[in-house]
Amino acid sequence: MNKMSYPLDQDDGPPLPCILIPAYKPDQKLLDLIGALRQLCFTRIILVDDGSGDPYAGLFKQAGARGCVVLRHAVNLGKGRALKTGINEAMNRGLADRGIITADADGQHSPSDILKIAGQMEQTPEDLVLGIRHFTGPVPWSNRLGNAITRTVFSLIHGEKVYDTQTGLRGLPTAELPLFLGLSGERYEYEMNMLLAARPNHIRIVDVPIETIYIEGNRSSHFRVLQDSVMIYALIFKYILSSILSFIVDYGLFIIMTISFPGQLLASVVVARSISSFFNFMLNRNLVFRQREAPAKAAAGYYLLVIAIMAANYGLIRLLTGPLNLDVYLAKVIADIILYYVGFRIQRDFIFRRHQPKAWSAR
């Protein structure tokens, strides 16, 4: 990564948050945004040229002459990587003591809305602030539909209601920058990963309404509809992959046990759940919740939950096969479906809840 460094003006009084703008093949709208931000007294602006190439060097040079820090990727590495490059630079330069505001380079975020994000960050400096669009006016149908689907799935799986999951206008709190910098994701899925990391790390999400701006049908966007959508949804659906695989193991073992040992319902439930629970624990810890700290504590809490759900599972099967006279295999499926959501919520909110150390803070 090449780096061009320019002096930053420092006005009297406390500085506003650092502005971070990832840019790939930008146009005049980027320079217009920089000029407007400078007029609003944003004196700390970092641009990441994400492999735009030599034809755009002149534009970035003009941005540097206006007081921006300009970082350059030799090739296009994706928006997520560009954001992490900028966050790292802001931390190293000591420019993130008031947090970082990320904005897009294509004119979709107005200077007044960016100022609104800064105002909210001043009021709630520990929160992740999102500039939320409500998609009014002439919005491309693909954007409206895509955000609606992502919003619904995110809410069902993660338990957080975020109206605009794909917004690029965000206020990142200083204390959480080490966490955000360490998240996976190189393209647009990185922004979804930020949202997924909020709840388990006790980061409150605050919404700030902003204007919905789509210029020329959003033609300047570099979002790849198919590839980037797959990567975003893959991040979400890993939350249910663990349960599907564990259910297959559990149900298969249950069938084998009931056929091999007729009339031993309790033993079948215990053996099937004991084996599948270990499989589920390893998937949830390493794939879903990605917890690395205090594995013994997490395991103890998880197996207490397993015992409770095992008892509930057995009780429900007996109820469904006894008074309700259902087939035992159908009863098993119904019991598992009822208990799945309860178990998931307890794991997410208590057992695999991470306590991220606030390792770096300028406040």
Foldseek 3Di string as FASTA:
>chain_A
DDWDAAAWDDDPDDAFAAEEEEDAQFDCLLVVQLVVLVVVVRREYEYEHQQNDDVCVVVVVVVVVSRYTYHYDVHHFAPLQSVLVVLVVCVVVVRAQLFYWYDYRHNQAHSVLLVVQRVVCVVPLQAKEFADEPPDDDAPPLQVVLQVVLQVLCCVLQVDRDSGQQGRTITGHQLCSVVLSPDDDRYSLSSNSVVSPQQLQVHHYHYDYDYGDQPPNVPVDPDDSPPNSVSNVVLRCLSCVLVVVLVVQLLVQLVVCCVVPPPPNLVSLVVSLVVSLVSSLVSCCCPNLVADPPPVQLVVVSVVVSVVLSVQLSVQLCVCCPPVVDDSSVSNVVSCVVCVVVSSVCCSNPSSRDHDDSPDHPD
